[in-house]
Amino acid sequence: MESTHRKNEIVIARWQRDGGAPDNLGKLYQYGRRVEGDGSWTIYHVFTGVPAHIDSWTMTGLDQQLASDVLHILNRPLQI
């Protein structure tokens, strides 16, 4: 499990380096989080309900802390 988390940290770091969430100008929160029936968390696009993706990583099956961290990153205004 640790290697999966490390891989995901690398994916997030690369994604942030490459510009992060597109079209996020800090005016709208485009992503939300929800708890699933199995107790895991999903980050989803609030307008479509579709789970978010960072590179090839789908934002499903997360623990609560990781979901909070990723949500904060996704909804953070871009520094222009």
PDB file of N, CA and C in Angstrom:
ATOM      1  N   MET A   1       0.831  -1.195   0.000  1.00  0.00           N
ATOM      2  CA  MET A   1       0.000   0.000   0.000  1.00  0.00           C
ATOM      3  C   MET A   1       0.868   1.248   0.000  1.00  0.00           C
ATOM      4  N   GLU A   2       1.968   1.208   0.728  1.00  0.00           N
ATOM      5  CA  GLU A   2       2.858   2.365   0.795  1.00  0.00           C
ATOM      6  C   GLU A   2       3.370   2.758  -0.581  1.00  0.00           C
ATOM      7  N   SER A   3       3.709   1.788  -1.408  1.00  0.00           N
ATOM      8  CA  SER A   3       4.229   2.095  -2.736  1.00  0.00           C
ATOM      9  C   SER A   3       3.164   2.755  -3.597  1.00  0.00           C
ATOM     10  N   THR A   4       1.893   2.380  -3.412  1.00  0.00           N
ATOM     11  CA  THR A   4       0.805   3.019  -4.151  1.00  0.00           C
ATOM     12  C   THR A   4       0.698   4.485  -3.758  1.00  0.00           C
ATOM     13  N   HIS A   5       0.776   4.771  -2.453  1.00  0.00           N
ATOM     14  CA  HIS A   5       0.706   6.159  -2.006  1.00  0.00           C
ATOM     15  C   HIS A   5       1.885   6.963  -2.542  1.00  0.00           C
ATOM     16  N   ARG A   6       3.060   6.374  -2.536  1.00  0.00           N
ATOM     17  CA  ARG A   6       4.246   7.070  -3.052  1.00  0.00           C
ATOM     18  C   ARG A   6       4.086   7.348  -4.546  1.00  0.00           C
ATOM     19  N   LYS A   7       3.590   6.369  -5.281  1.00  0.00           N
ATOM     20  CA  LYS A   7       3.353   6.566  -6.711  1.00  0.00           C
ATOM     21  C   LYS A   7       2.359   7.713  -6.924  1.00  0.00           C
ATOM     22  N   ASN A   8       1.298   7.756  -6.122  1.00  0.00           N
ATOM     23  CA  ASN A   8       0.299   8.809  -6.249  1.00  0.00           C
ATOM     24  C   ASN A   8       0.882  10.177  -5.892  1.00  0.00           C
ATOM     25  N   GLU A   9       1.758  10.236  -4.901  1.00  0.00           N
ATOM     26  CA  GLU A   9       2.421  11.496  -4.563  1.00  0.00           C
ATOM     27  C   GLU A   9       3.250  12.005  -5.737  1.00  0.00           C
ATOM     28  N   ILE A  10       3.918  11.099  -6.422  1.00  0.00           N
ATOM     29  CA  ILE A  10       4.724  11.473  -7.582  1.00  0.00           C
ATOM     30  C   ILE A  10       3.832  11.990  -8.703  1.00  0.00           C
ATOM     31  N   VAL A  11       2.705  11.321  -8.923  1.00  0.00           N
ATOM     32  CA  VAL A  11       1.767  11.754  -9.961  1.00  0.00           C
ATOM     33  C   VAL A  11       1.236  13.153  -9.649  1.00  0.00           C
ATOM     34  N   ILE A  12       0.855  13.392  -8.382  1.00  0.00           N
ATOM     35  CA  ILE A  12       0.348  14.721  -7.996  1.00  0.00           C
ATOM     36  C   ILE A  12       1.429  15.780  -8.178  1.00  0.00           C
ATOM     37  N   ALA A  13       2.646  15.493  -7.770  1.00  0.00           N
ATOM     38  CA  ALA A  13       3.742  16.457  -7.913  1.00  0.00           C
ATOM     39  C   ALA A  13       3.971  16.801  -9.382  1.00  0.00           C
ATOM     40  N   ARG A  14       3.970  15.790 -10.241  1.00  0.00           N
ATOM     41  CA  ARG A  14       4.161  16.042 -11.677  1.00  0.00           C
ATOM     42  C   ARG A  14       2.994  16.849 -12.229  1.00  0.00           C
ATOM     43  N   TRP A  15       1.782  16.507 -11.813  1.00  0.00           N
ATOM     44  CA  TRP A  15       0.585  17.204 -12.269  1.00  0.00           C
ATOM     45  C   TRP A  15       0.626  18.678 -11.845  1.00  0.00           C
ATOM     46  N   GLN A  16       1.034  18.941 -10.587  1.00  0.00           N
ATOM     47  CA  GLN A  16       1.154  20.322 -10.121  1.00  0.00           C
ATOM     48  C   GLN A  16       2.210  21.080 -10.911  1.00  0.00           C
ATOM     49  N   ARG A  17       3.335  20.431 -11.166  1.00  0.00           N
ATOM     50  CA  ARG A  17       4.411  21.044 -11.928  1.00  0.00           C
ATOM     51  C   ARG A  17       3.936  21.446 -13.317  1.00  0.00           C
ATOM     52  N   ASP A  18       3.051  20.640 -13.885  1.00  0.00           N
ATOM     53  CA  ASP A  18       2.558  20.885 -15.238  1.00  0.00           C
ATOM     54  C   ASP A  18       1.372  21.838 -15.285  1.00  0.00           C
ATOM     55  N   GLY A  19       0.985  22.424 -14.167  1.00  0.00           N
ATOM     56  CA  GLY A  19      -0.047  23.448 -14.187  1.00  0.00           C
ATOM     57  C   GLY A  19      -1.308  23.141 -13.413  1.00  0.00           C
ATOM     58  N   GLY A  20      -1.475  21.934 -12.956  1.00  0.00           N
ATOM     59  CA  GLY A  20      -2.623  21.619 -12.118  1.00  0.00           C
ATOM     60  C   GLY A  20      -3.936  21.594 -12.866  1.00  0.00           C
ATOM     61  N   ALA A  21      -4.999  21.943 -12.159  1.00  0.00           N
ATOM     62  CA  ALA A  21      -6.342  21.863 -12.725  1.00  0.00           C
ATOM     63  C   ALA A  21      -6.532  22.906 -13.819  1.00  0.00           C
ATOM     64  N   PRO A  22      -6.992  22.488 -14.990  1.00  0.00           N
ATOM     65  CA  PRO A  22      -7.234  23.455 -16.058  1.00  0.00           C
ATOM     66  C   PRO A  22      -8.440  24.324 -15.757  1.00  0.00           C
ATOM     67  N   ASP A  23      -8.421  25.558 -16.241  1.00  0.00           N
ATOM     68  CA  ASP A  23      -9.547  26.485 -16.134  1.00  0.00           C
ATOM     69  C   ASP A  23      -9.973  26.773 -14.704  1.00  0.00           C
ATOM     70  N   ASN A  24      -9.074  26.607 -13.753  1.00  0.00           N
ATOM     71  CA  ASN A  24      -9.412  26.904 -12.367  1.00  0.00           C
ATOM     72  C   ASN A  24      -8.818  28.261 -12.028  1.00  0.00           C
ATOM     73  N   LEU A  25      -9.641  29.284 -12.103  1.00  0.00           N
ATOM     74  CA  LEU A  25      -9.184  30.642 -11.837  1.00  0.00           C
ATOM     75  C   LEU A  25      -9.519  31.090 -10.424  1.00  0.00           C
ATOM     76  N   GLY A  26      -9.930  30.177  -9.578  1.00  0.00           N
ATOM     77  CA  GLY A  26     -10.212  30.494  -8.193  1.00  0.00           C
ATOM     78  C   GLY A  26     -11.595  31.055  -7.967  1.00  0.00           C
ATOM     79  N   LYS A  27     -12.413  31.145  -8.996  1.00  0.00           N
ATOM     80  CA  LYS A  27     -13.750  31.704  -8.860  1.00  0.00           C
ATOM     81  C   LYS A  27     -14.780  30.643  -8.514  1.00  0.00           C
ATOM     82  N   LEU A  28     -14.538  29.415  -8.947  1.00  0.00           N
ATOM     83  CA  LEU A  28     -15.463  28.325  -8.683  1.00  0.00           C
ATOM     84  C   LEU A  28     -14.700  27.131  -8.136  1.00  0.00           C
ATOM     85  N   TYR A  29     -15.328  26.453  -7.205  1.00  0.00           N
ATOM     86  CA  TYR A  29     -14.763  25.183  -6.765  1.00  0.00           C
ATOM     87  C   TYR A  29     -15.298  24.131  -7.712  1.00  0.00           C
ATOM     88  N   GLN A  30     -14.412  23.547  -8.503  1.00  0.00           N
ATOM     89  CA  GLN A  30     -14.843  22.591  -9.514  1.00  0.00           C
ATOM     90  C   GLN A  30     -14.889  21.167  -8.996  1.00  0.00           C
ATOM     91  N   TYR A  31     -14.305  20.913  -7.844  1.00  0.00           N
ATOM     92  CA  TYR A  31     -14.213  19.545  -7.342  1.00  0.00           C
ATOM     93  C   TYR A  31     -14.771  19.452  -5.930  1.00  0.00           C
ATOM     94  N   GLY A  32     -15.384  18.325  -5.650  1.00  0.00           N
ATOM     95  CA  GLY A  32     -15.890  18.035  -4.318  1.00  0.00           C
ATOM     96  C   GLY A  32     -15.414  16.650  -3.912  1.00  0.00           C
ATOM     97  N   ARG A  33     -15.755  16.247  -2.681  1.00  0.00           N
ATOM     98  CA  ARG A  33     -15.407  14.900  -2.233  1.00  0.00           C
ATOM     99  C   ARG A  33     -16.636  14.278  -1.610  1.00  0.00           C
ATOM    100  N   ARG A  34     -16.698  12.977  -1.743  1.00  0.00           N
ATOM    101  CA  ARG A  34     -17.823  12.242  -1.163  1.00  0.00           C
ATOM    102  C   ARG A  34     -17.315  10.934  -0.586  1.00  0.00           C
ATOM    103  N   VAL A  35     -17.999  10.496   0.453  1.00  0.00           N
ATOM    104  CA  VAL A  35     -17.670   9.202   1.054  1.00  0.00           C
ATOM    105  C   VAL A  35     -18.537   8.152   0.364  1.00  0.00           C
ATOM    106  N   GLU A  36     -17.930   7.044   0.027  1.00  0.00           N
ATOM    107  CA  GLU A  36     -18.622   5.957  -0.654  1.00  0.00           C
ATOM    108  C   GLU A  36     -19.124   4.939   0.366  1.00  0.00           C
ATOM    109  N   GLY A  37     -19.925   4.017  -0.075  1.00  0.00           N
ATOM    110  CA  GLY A  37     -20.521   3.000   0.795  1.00  0.00           C
ATOM    111  C   GLY A  37     -19.508   2.136   1.519  1.00  0.00           C
ATOM    112  N   ASP A  38     -18.333   1.962   0.909  1.00  0.00           N
ATOM    113  CA  ASP A  38     -17.304   1.130   1.546  1.00  0.00           C
ATOM    114  C   ASP A  38     -16.407   1.921   2.497  1.00  0.00           C
ATOM    115  N   GLY A  39     -16.728   3.220   2.687  1.00  0.00           N
ATOM    116  CA  GLY A  39     -15.943   4.056   3.592  1.00  0.00           C
ATOM    117  C   GLY A  39     -14.791   4.780   2.920  1.00  0.00           C
ATOM    118  N   SER A  40     -14.541   4.498   1.648  1.00  0.00           N
ATOM    119  CA  SER A  40     -13.488   5.219   0.922  1.00  0.00           C
ATOM    120  C   SER A  40     -14.050   6.550   0.418  1.00  0.00           C
ATOM    121  N   TRP A  41     -13.156   7.394  -0.052  1.00  0.00           N
ATOM    122  CA  TRP A  41     -13.540   8.725  -0.521  1.00  0.00           C
ATOM    123  C   TRP A  41     -13.244   8.858  -2.001  1.00  0.00           C
ATOM    124  N   THR A  42     -14.063   9.676  -2.680  1.00  0.00           N
ATOM    125  CA  THR A  42     -13.904   9.970  -4.104  1.00  0.00           C
ATOM    126  C   THR A  42     -13.879  11.473  -4.291  1.00  0.00           C
ATOM    127  N   ILE A  43     -12.958  11.951  -5.102  1.00  0.00           N
ATOM    128  CA  ILE A  43     -12.943  13.347  -5.537  1.00  0.00           C
ATOM    129  C   ILE A  43     -13.646  13.367  -6.887  1.00  0.00           C
ATOM    130  N   TYR A  44     -14.617  14.260  -7.058  1.00  0.00           N
ATOM    131  CA  TYR A  44     -15.410  14.285  -8.279  1.00  0.00           C
ATOM    132  C   TYR A  44     -15.584  15.719  -8.784  1.00  0.00           C
ATOM    133  N   HIS A  45     -15.859  15.827 -10.076  1.00  0.00           N
ATOM    134  CA  HIS A  45     -16.142  17.121 -10.692  1.00  0.00           C
ATOM    135  C   HIS A  45     -17.574  17.482 -10.320  1.00  0.00           C
ATOM    136  N   VAL A  46     -17.787  18.647  -9.687  1.00  0.00           N
ATOM    137  CA  VAL A  46     -19.097  18.964  -9.130  1.00  0.00           C
ATOM    138  C   VAL A  46     -20.170  19.181 -10.191  1.00  0.00           C
ATOM    139  N   PHE A  47     -19.788  19.511 -11.401  1.00  0.00           N
ATOM    140  CA  PHE A  47     -20.781  19.758 -12.433  1.00  0.00           C
ATOM    141  C   PHE A  47     -21.194  18.492 -13.167  1.00  0.00           C
ATOM    142  N   THR A  48     -20.325  17.485 -13.201  1.00  0.00           N
ATOM    143  CA  THR A  48     -20.634  16.248 -13.924  1.00  0.00           C
ATOM    144  C   THR A  48     -20.814  15.054 -12.998  1.00  0.00           C
ATOM    145  N   GLY A  49     -20.241  15.099 -11.797  1.00  0.00           N
ATOM    146  CA  GLY A  49     -20.282  13.975 -10.882  1.00  0.00           C
ATOM    147  C   GLY A  49     -19.267  12.890 -11.200  1.00  0.00           C
ATOM    148  N   VAL A  50     -18.492  13.092 -12.259  1.00  0.00           N
ATOM    149  CA  VAL A  50     -17.508  12.102 -12.698  1.00  0.00           C
ATOM    150  C   VAL A  50     -16.266  12.182 -11.808  1.00  0.00           C
ATOM    151  N   PRO A  51     -15.723  11.040 -11.375  1.00  0.00           N
ATOM    152  CA  PRO A  51     -14.490  11.071 -10.592  1.00  0.00           C
ATOM    153  C   PRO A  51     -13.375  11.816 -11.333  1.00  0.00           C
ATOM    154  N   ALA A  52     -12.632  12.602 -10.585  1.00  0.00           N
ATOM    155  CA  ALA A  52     -11.526  13.371 -11.158  1.00  0.00           C
ATOM    156  C   ALA A  52     -10.368  12.443 -11.517  1.00  0.00           C
ATOM    157  N   HIS A  53      -9.544  12.903 -12.431  1.00  0.00           N
ATOM    158  CA  HIS A  53      -8.345  12.172 -12.853  1.00  0.00           C
ATOM    159  C   HIS A  53      -7.144  13.096 -12.760  1.00  0.00           C
ATOM    160  N   ILE A  54      -6.040  12.581 -12.308  1.00  0.00           N
ATOM    161  CA  ILE A  54      -4.747  13.245 -12.394  1.00  0.00           C
ATOM    162  C   ILE A  54      -3.863  12.260 -13.125  1.00  0.00           C
ATOM    163  N   ASP A  55      -3.473  12.629 -14.342  1.00  0.00           N
ATOM    164  CA  ASP A  55      -2.694  11.730 -15.182  1.00  0.00           C
ATOM    165  C   ASP A  55      -3.517  10.457 -15.341  1.00  0.00           C
ATOM    166  N   SER A  56      -2.992   9.310 -14.992  1.00  0.00           N
ATOM    167  CA  SER A  56      -3.743   8.054 -15.121  1.00  0.00           C
ATOM    168  C   SER A  56      -4.396   7.631 -13.805  1.00  0.00           C
ATOM    169  N   TRP A  57      -4.286   8.450 -12.776  1.00  0.00           N
ATOM    170  CA  TRP A  57      -4.810   8.111 -11.454  1.00  0.00           C
ATOM    171  C   TRP A  57      -6.238   8.635 -11.310  1.00  0.00           C
ATOM    172  N   THR A  58      -7.195   7.751 -11.123  1.00  0.00           N
ATOM    173  CA  THR A  58      -8.578   8.130 -10.866  1.00  0.00           C
ATOM    174  C   THR A  58      -8.740   8.360  -9.367  1.00  0.00           C
ATOM    175  N   MET A  59      -9.397   9.434  -8.996  1.00  0.00           N
ATOM    176  CA  MET A  59      -9.508   9.851  -7.599  1.00  0.00           C
ATOM    177  C   MET A  59     -10.617   9.090  -6.873  1.00  0.00           C
ATOM    178  N   THR A  60     -10.480   7.776  -6.803  1.00  0.00           N
ATOM    179  CA  THR A  60     -11.424   6.910  -6.085  1.00  0.00           C
ATOM    180  C   THR A  60     -10.643   6.037  -5.119  1.00  0.00           C
ATOM    181  N   GLY A  61     -11.342   5.530  -4.110  1.00  0.00           N
ATOM    182  CA  GLY A  61     -10.715   4.624  -3.150  1.00  0.00           C
ATOM    183  C   GLY A  61      -9.716   5.300  -2.236  1.00  0.00           C
ATOM    184  N   LEU A  62      -9.882   6.602  -2.001  1.00  0.00           N
ATOM    185  CA  LEU A  62      -8.945   7.376  -1.180  1.00  0.00           C
ATOM    186  C   LEU A  62      -9.321   7.285   0.292  1.00  0.00           C
ATOM    187  N   ASP A  63      -8.338   7.493   1.173  1.00  0.00           N
ATOM    188  CA  ASP A  63      -8.685   7.649   2.586  1.00  0.00           C
ATOM    189  C   ASP A  63      -9.056   9.121   2.802  1.00  0.00           C
ATOM    190  N   GLN A  64      -9.627   9.427   3.953  1.00  0.00           N
ATOM    191  CA  GLN A  64     -10.158  10.765   4.193  1.00  0.00           C
ATOM    192  C   GLN A  64      -9.075  11.847   4.122  1.00  0.00           C
ATOM    193  N   GLN A  65      -7.907  11.604   4.682  1.00  0.00           N
ATOM    194  CA  GLN A  65      -6.844  12.604   4.690  1.00  0.00           C
ATOM    195  C   GLN A  65      -6.343  12.882   3.273  1.00  0.00           C
ATOM    196  N   LEU A  66      -6.113  11.834   2.500  1.00  0.00           N
ATOM    197  CA  LEU A  66      -5.647  12.020   1.129  1.00  0.00           C
ATOM    198  C   LEU A  66      -6.701  12.750   0.303  1.00  0.00           C
ATOM    199  N   ALA A  67      -7.969  12.411   0.490  1.00  0.00           N
ATOM    200  CA  ALA A  67      -9.050  13.098  -0.223  1.00  0.00           C
ATOM    201  C   ALA A  67      -9.059  14.586   0.127  1.00  0.00           C
ATOM    202  N   SER A  68      -8.857  14.920   1.396  1.00  0.00           N
ATOM    203  CA  SER A  68      -8.802  16.326   1.811  1.00  0.00           C
ATOM    204  C   SER A  68      -7.629  17.050   1.163  1.00  0.00           C
ATOM    205  N   ASP A  69      -6.479  16.409   1.159  1.00  0.00           N
ATOM    206  CA  ASP A  69      -5.286  17.020   0.574  1.00  0.00           C
ATOM    207  C   ASP A  69      -5.456  17.250  -0.920  1.00  0.00           C
ATOM    208  N   VAL A  70      -5.955  16.230  -1.627  1.00  0.00           N
ATOM    209  CA  VAL A  70      -6.135  16.348  -3.073  1.00  0.00           C
ATOM    210  C   VAL A  70      -7.190  17.398  -3.393  1.00  0.00           C
ATOM    211  N   LEU A  71      -8.284  17.433  -2.648  1.00  0.00           N
ATOM    212  CA  LEU A  71      -9.332  18.420  -2.878  1.00  0.00           C
ATOM    213  C   LEU A  71      -8.785  19.830  -2.728  1.00  0.00           C
ATOM    214  N   HIS A  72      -7.974  20.043  -1.718  1.00  0.00           N
ATOM    215  CA  HIS A  72      -7.365  21.355  -1.499  1.00  0.00           C
ATOM    216  C   HIS A  72      -6.494  21.745  -2.699  1.00  0.00           C
ATOM    217  N   ILE A  73      -5.736  20.808  -3.213  1.00  0.00           N
ATOM    218  CA  ILE A  73      -4.870  21.070  -4.370  1.00  0.00           C
ATOM    219  C   ILE A  73      -5.708  21.382  -5.611  1.00  0.00           C
ATOM    220  N   LEU A  74      -6.724  20.574  -5.858  1.00  0.00           N
ATOM    221  CA  LEU A  74      -7.526  20.753  -7.069  1.00  0.00           C
ATOM    222  C   LEU A  74      -8.286  22.070  -7.073  1.00  0.00           C
ATOM    223  N   ASN A  75      -8.748  22.513  -5.919  1.00  0.00           N
ATOM    224  CA  ASN A  75      -9.552  23.732  -5.851  1.00  0.00           C
ATOM    225  C   ASN A  75      -8.723  24.988  -5.567  1.00  0.00           C
ATOM    226  N   ARG A  76      -7.427  24.825  -5.424  1.00  0.00           N
ATOM    227  CA  ARG A  76      -6.562  25.976  -5.146  1.00  0.00           C
ATOM    228  C   ARG A  76      -6.492  26.884  -6.385  1.00  0.00           C
ATOM    229  N   PRO A  77      -6.631  28.185  -6.191  1.00  0.00           N
ATOM    230  CA  PRO A  77      -6.517  29.095  -7.344  1.00  0.00           C
ATOM    231  C   PRO A  77      -5.123  29.017  -7.965  1.00  0.00           C
ATOM    232  N   LEU A  78      -5.086  29.106  -9.272  1.00  0.00           N
ATOM    233  CA  LEU A  78      -3.791  29.135  -9.972  1.00  0.00           C
ATOM    234  C   LEU A  78      -3.091  30.449  -9.699  1.00  0.00           C
ATOM    235  N   GLN A  79      -1.799  30.395  -9.582  1.00  0.00           N
ATOM    236  CA  GLN A  79      -0.999  31.612  -9.415  1.00  0.00           C
ATOM    237  C   GLN A  79      -0.598  32.083 -10.802  1.00  0.00           C
ATOM    238  N   ILE A  80      -1.226  33.153 -11.267  1.00  0.00           N
ATOM    239  CA  ILE A  80      -0.944  33.658 -12.624  1.00  0.00           C
ATOM    240  C   ILE A  80      -0.044  34.856 -12.556  1.00  0.00           C
TER     241      ILE A  80
END
